[in-house]
Each structure stands twice: as structure tokens, then as C-alpha cells.
Amino acid sequence: MPDYAAQYRQAMADGAHDFARTVVTAATQAAKAGLITPEEVAELVAEVKADPPQ
């Protein structure tokens, strides 16, 4: 599975806010399908809270 938190961090570092939102959307769909762990979801949520897309 992709590391959504790492992808989000990289997108934000690159200023690619639209892609950062896409990463969050993909992670949400993966979580709903049970494809990522609660820990992975929590890690991404922490990243988004620390640095929300504009």
C-alpha cells in the first residue's frame, strides 16, 4: 500500500495542494475499503492537521 502520509508531506513540500487533496481522498477511500490500518489513517490525519492544504 502507498504511504499516504509520506505522499501528503511531499505534495505539501512541493506546494502541490491539489495533489495533497487527492492523496487525502485516495486514503479516505482506502480506509473505507479496509485497505489501510487505523494507524496509517491516524498518521495522515496528524499530517493534515499539522499542515492543511490551502
PDB file of N, CA and C in Angstrom:
ATOM      1  N   MET A   1       0.838  -1.183   0.000  1.00  0.00           N
ATOM      2  CA  MET A   1       0.000   0.000   0.000  1.00  0.00           C
ATOM      3  C   MET A   1       0.881   1.244   0.000  1.00  0.00           C
ATOM      4  N   PRO A   2       0.428   2.262  -0.626  1.00  0.00           N
ATOM      5  CA  PRO A   2       1.199   3.513  -0.624  1.00  0.00           C
ATOM      6  C   PRO A   2       1.288   4.107   0.781  1.00  0.00           C
ATOM      7  N   ASP A   3       2.339   4.838   1.000  1.00  0.00           N
ATOM      8  CA  ASP A   3       2.491   5.574   2.262  1.00  0.00           C
ATOM      9  C   ASP A   3       1.835   6.936   2.051  1.00  0.00           C
ATOM     10  N   TYR A   4       0.566   7.021   2.405  1.00  0.00           N
ATOM     11  CA  TYR A   4      -0.202   8.235   2.151  1.00  0.00           C
ATOM     12  C   TYR A   4       0.351   9.440   2.898  1.00  0.00           C
ATOM     13  N   ALA A   5       0.813   9.233   4.122  1.00  0.00           N
ATOM     14  CA  ALA A   5       1.363  10.351   4.896  1.00  0.00           C
ATOM     15  C   ALA A   5       2.609  10.906   4.210  1.00  0.00           C
ATOM     16  N   ALA A   6       3.465  10.030   3.713  1.00  0.00           N
ATOM     17  CA  ALA A   6       4.676  10.478   3.020  1.00  0.00           C
ATOM     18  C   ALA A   6       4.317  11.195   1.720  1.00  0.00           C
ATOM     19  N   GLN A   7       3.347  10.667   0.996  1.00  0.00           N
ATOM     20  CA  GLN A   7       2.919  11.322  -0.239  1.00  0.00           C
ATOM     21  C   GLN A   7       2.347  12.700   0.061  1.00  0.00           C
ATOM     22  N   TYR A   8       1.574  12.800   1.126  1.00  0.00           N
ATOM     23  CA  TYR A   8       0.986  14.082   1.515  1.00  0.00           C
ATOM     24  C   TYR A   8       2.084  15.077   1.876  1.00  0.00           C
ATOM     25  N   ARG A   9       3.036  14.645   2.701  1.00  0.00           N
ATOM     26  CA  ARG A   9       4.151  15.527   3.101  1.00  0.00           C
ATOM     27  C   ARG A   9       4.898  16.037   1.877  1.00  0.00           C
ATOM     28  N   GLN A  10       5.173  15.146   0.932  1.00  0.00           N
ATOM     29  CA  GLN A  10       5.915  15.542  -0.266  1.00  0.00           C
ATOM     30  C   GLN A  10       5.103  16.518  -1.108  1.00  0.00           C
ATOM     31  N   ALA A  11       3.827  16.251  -1.265  1.00  0.00           N
ATOM     32  CA  ALA A  11       2.975  17.159  -2.041  1.00  0.00           C
ATOM     33  C   ALA A  11       2.959  18.544  -1.411  1.00  0.00           C
ATOM     34  N   MET A  12       2.836  18.603  -0.103  1.00  0.00           N
ATOM     35  CA  MET A  12       2.809  19.893   0.582  1.00  0.00           C
ATOM     36  C   MET A  12       4.164  20.591   0.463  1.00  0.00           C
ATOM     37  N   ALA A  13       5.238  19.838   0.573  1.00  0.00           N
ATOM     38  CA  ALA A  13       6.580  20.418   0.438  1.00  0.00           C
ATOM     39  C   ALA A  13       6.779  20.995  -0.957  1.00  0.00           C
ATOM     40  N   ASP A  14       6.166  20.354  -1.946  1.00  0.00           N
ATOM     41  CA  ASP A  14       6.271  20.814  -3.333  1.00  0.00           C
ATOM     42  C   ASP A  14       5.269  21.922  -3.655  1.00  0.00           C
ATOM     43  N   GLY A  15       4.393  22.229  -2.715  1.00  0.00           N
ATOM     44  CA  GLY A  15       3.363  23.238  -2.965  1.00  0.00           C
ATOM     45  C   GLY A  15       2.232  22.732  -3.840  1.00  0.00           C
ATOM     46  N   ALA A  16       2.120  21.415  -3.952  1.00  0.00           N
ATOM     47  CA  ALA A  16       1.101  20.797  -4.803  1.00  0.00           C
ATOM     48  C   ALA A  16      -0.150  20.505  -3.976  1.00  0.00           C
ATOM     49  N   HIS A  17      -0.867  21.561  -3.623  1.00  0.00           N
ATOM     50  CA  HIS A  17      -2.013  21.427  -2.728  1.00  0.00           C
ATOM     51  C   HIS A  17      -3.139  20.598  -3.341  1.00  0.00           C
ATOM     52  N   ASP A  18      -3.342  20.703  -4.647  1.00  0.00           N
ATOM     53  CA  ASP A  18      -4.377  19.886  -5.289  1.00  0.00           C
ATOM     54  C   ASP A  18      -4.032  18.409  -5.173  1.00  0.00           C
ATOM     55  N   PHE A  19      -2.751  18.075  -5.382  1.00  0.00           N
ATOM     56  CA  PHE A  19      -2.347  16.674  -5.259  1.00  0.00           C
ATOM     57  C   PHE A  19      -2.455  16.217  -3.813  1.00  0.00           C
ATOM     58  N   ALA A  20      -2.151  17.085  -2.868  1.00  0.00           N
ATOM     59  CA  ALA A  20      -2.290  16.735  -1.451  1.00  0.00           C
ATOM     60  C   ALA A  20      -3.738  16.361  -1.148  1.00  0.00           C
ATOM     61  N   ARG A  21      -4.680  17.116  -1.697  1.00  0.00           N
ATOM     62  CA  ARG A  21      -6.101  16.794  -1.506  1.00  0.00           C
ATOM     63  C   ARG A  21      -6.442  15.446  -2.150  1.00  0.00           C
ATOM     64  N   THR A  22      -5.846  15.171  -3.299  1.00  0.00           N
ATOM     65  CA  THR A  22      -6.068  13.897  -3.976  1.00  0.00           C
ATOM     66  C   THR A  22      -5.557  12.741  -3.122  1.00  0.00           C
ATOM     67  N   VAL A  23      -4.413  12.929  -2.488  1.00  0.00           N
ATOM     68  CA  VAL A  23      -3.858  11.902  -1.602  1.00  0.00           C
ATOM     69  C   VAL A  23      -4.828  11.631  -0.452  1.00  0.00           C
ATOM     70  N   VAL A  24      -5.366  12.683   0.131  1.00  0.00           N
ATOM     71  CA  VAL A  24      -6.322  12.523   1.236  1.00  0.00           C
ATOM     72  C   VAL A  24      -7.566  11.774   0.751  1.00  0.00           C
ATOM     73  N   THR A  25      -8.051  12.112  -0.428  1.00  0.00           N
ATOM     74  CA  THR A  25      -9.220  11.432  -0.985  1.00  0.00           C
ATOM     75  C   THR A  25      -8.932   9.953  -1.211  1.00  0.00           C
ATOM     76  N   ALA A  26      -7.784   9.647  -1.783  1.00  0.00           N
ATOM     77  CA  ALA A  26      -7.410   8.250  -2.026  1.00  0.00           C
ATOM     78  C   ALA A  26      -7.277   7.486  -0.712  1.00  0.00           C
ATOM     79  N   ALA A  27      -6.678   8.112   0.278  1.00  0.00           N
ATOM     80  CA  ALA A  27      -6.520   7.462   1.579  1.00  0.00           C
ATOM     81  C   ALA A  27      -7.875   7.222   2.234  1.00  0.00           C
ATOM     82  N   THR A  28      -8.788   8.168   2.080  1.00  0.00           N
ATOM     83  CA  THR A  28     -10.132   8.007   2.637  1.00  0.00           C
ATOM     84  C   THR A  28     -10.826   6.807   2.007  1.00  0.00           C
ATOM     85  N   GLN A  29     -10.711   6.690   0.699  1.00  0.00           N
ATOM     86  CA  GLN A  29     -11.319   5.551   0.005  1.00  0.00           C
ATOM     87  C   GLN A  29     -10.667   4.241   0.429  1.00  0.00           C
ATOM     88  N   ALA A  30      -9.348   4.244   0.583  1.00  0.00           N
ATOM     89  CA  ALA A  30      -8.639   3.041   1.025  1.00  0.00           C
ATOM     90  C   ALA A  30      -9.064   2.652   2.440  1.00  0.00           C
ATOM     91  N   ALA A  31      -9.235   3.638   3.300  1.00  0.00           N
ATOM     92  CA  ALA A  31      -9.659   3.364   4.676  1.00  0.00           C
ATOM     93  C   ALA A  31     -11.069   2.775   4.699  1.00  0.00           C
ATOM     94  N   LYS A  32     -11.962   3.335   3.896  1.00  0.00           N
ATOM     95  CA  LYS A  32     -13.337   2.825   3.840  1.00  0.00           C
ATOM     96  C   LYS A  32     -13.372   1.384   3.346  1.00  0.00           C
ATOM     97  N   ALA A  33     -12.431   1.038   2.479  1.00  0.00           N
ATOM     98  CA  ALA A  33     -12.354  -0.319   1.940  1.00  0.00           C
ATOM     99  C   ALA A  33     -11.564  -1.255   2.854  1.00  0.00           C
ATOM    100  N   GLY A  34     -11.041  -0.718   3.947  1.00  0.00           N
ATOM    101  CA  GLY A  34     -10.276  -1.537   4.886  1.00  0.00           C
ATOM    102  C   GLY A  34      -8.882  -1.887   4.398  1.00  0.00           C
ATOM    103  N   LEU A  35      -8.357  -1.086   3.487  1.00  0.00           N
ATOM    104  CA  LEU A  35      -7.058  -1.386   2.888  1.00  0.00           C
ATOM    105  C   LEU A  35      -5.877  -0.763   3.620  1.00  0.00           C
ATOM    106  N   ILE A  36      -6.137   0.158   4.535  1.00  0.00           N
ATOM    107  CA  ILE A  36      -5.057   0.727   5.333  1.00  0.00           C
ATOM    108  C   ILE A  36      -5.440   0.632   6.805  1.00  0.00           C
ATOM    109  N   THR A  37      -4.435   0.613   7.645  1.00  0.00           N
ATOM    110  CA  THR A  37      -4.657   0.419   9.075  1.00  0.00           C
ATOM    111  C   THR A  37      -5.113   1.713   9.745  1.00  0.00           C
ATOM    112  N   PRO A  38      -5.734   1.584  10.900  1.00  0.00           N
ATOM    113  CA  PRO A  38      -6.087   2.787  11.661  1.00  0.00           C
ATOM    114  C   PRO A  38      -4.861   3.642  11.992  1.00  0.00           C
ATOM    115  N   GLU A  39      -3.724   3.003  12.192  1.00  0.00           N
ATOM    116  CA  GLU A  39      -2.501   3.749  12.473  1.00  0.00           C
ATOM    117  C   GLU A  39      -2.087   4.601  11.279  1.00  0.00           C
ATOM    118  N   GLU A  40      -2.239   4.052  10.073  1.00  0.00           N
ATOM    119  CA  GLU A  40      -1.909   4.815   8.869  1.00  0.00           C
ATOM    120  C   GLU A  40      -2.860   6.000   8.707  1.00  0.00           C
ATOM    121  N   VAL A  41      -4.123   5.774   9.008  1.00  0.00           N
ATOM    122  CA  VAL A  41      -5.103   6.863   8.943  1.00  0.00           C
ATOM    123  C   VAL A  41      -4.727   7.944   9.948  1.00  0.00           C
ATOM    124  N   ALA A  42      -4.401   7.531  11.168  1.00  0.00           N
ATOM    125  CA  ALA A  42      -4.037   8.492  12.216  1.00  0.00           C
ATOM    126  C   ALA A  42      -2.800   9.291  11.831  1.00  0.00           C
ATOM    127  N   GLU A  43      -1.829   8.639  11.201  1.00  0.00           N
ATOM    128  CA  GLU A  43      -0.615   9.338  10.769  1.00  0.00           C
ATOM    129  C   GLU A  43      -0.950  10.404   9.726  1.00  0.00           C
ATOM    130  N   LEU A  44      -1.803  10.066   8.775  1.00  0.00           N
ATOM    131  CA  LEU A  44      -2.193  11.034   7.751  1.00  0.00           C
ATOM    132  C   LEU A  44      -2.995  12.176   8.369  1.00  0.00           C
ATOM    133  N   VAL A  45      -3.903  11.856   9.262  1.00  0.00           N
ATOM    134  CA  VAL A  45      -4.701  12.896   9.923  1.00  0.00           C
ATOM    135  C   VAL A  45      -3.782  13.870  10.651  1.00  0.00           C
ATOM    136  N   ALA A  46      -2.770  13.350  11.321  1.00  0.00           N
ATOM    137  CA  ALA A  46      -1.819  14.216  12.028  1.00  0.00           C
ATOM    138  C   ALA A  46      -1.092  15.132  11.054  1.00  0.00           C
ATOM    139  N   GLU A  47      -0.713  14.611   9.897  1.00  0.00           N
ATOM    140  CA  GLU A  47      -0.034  15.422   8.879  1.00  0.00           C
ATOM    141  C   GLU A  47      -0.956  16.537   8.378  1.00  0.00           C
ATOM    142  N   VAL A  48      -2.204  16.187   8.113  1.00  0.00           N
ATOM    143  CA  VAL A  48      -3.157  17.175   7.592  1.00  0.00           C
ATOM    144  C   VAL A  48      -3.419  18.260   8.634  1.00  0.00           C
ATOM    145  N   LYS A  49      -3.561  17.853   9.890  1.00  0.00           N
ATOM    146  CA  LYS A  49      -3.786  18.842  10.951  1.00  0.00           C
ATOM    147  C   LYS A  49      -2.583  19.758  11.117  1.00  0.00           C
ATOM    148  N   ALA A  50      -1.388  19.207  10.974  1.00  0.00           N
ATOM    149  CA  ALA A  50      -0.166  19.996  11.145  1.00  0.00           C
ATOM    150  C   ALA A  50       0.062  20.959   9.985  1.00  0.00           C
ATOM    151  N   ASP A  51      -0.372  20.558   8.786  1.00  0.00           N
ATOM    152  CA  ASP A  51      -0.114  21.369   7.592  1.00  0.00           C
ATOM    153  C   ASP A  51      -1.271  21.199   6.608  1.00  0.00           C
ATOM    154  N   PRO A  52      -2.414  21.848   6.873  1.00  0.00           N
ATOM    155  CA  PRO A  52      -3.576  21.675   5.989  1.00  0.00           C
ATOM    156  C   PRO A  52      -3.349  22.315   4.616  1.00  0.00           C
ATOM    157  N   PRO A  53      -3.912  21.691   3.565  1.00  0.00           N
ATOM    158  CA  PRO A  53      -3.778  22.297   2.238  1.00  0.00           C
ATOM    159  C   PRO A  53      -4.549  23.610   2.168  1.00  0.00           C
ATOM    160  N   GLN A  54      -4.058  24.515   1.362  1.00  0.00           N
ATOM    161  CA  GLN A  54      -4.697  25.830   1.208  1.00  0.00           C
ATOM    162  C   GLN A  54      -5.841  25.753   0.235  1.00  0.00           C
TER     163      GLN A  54
END
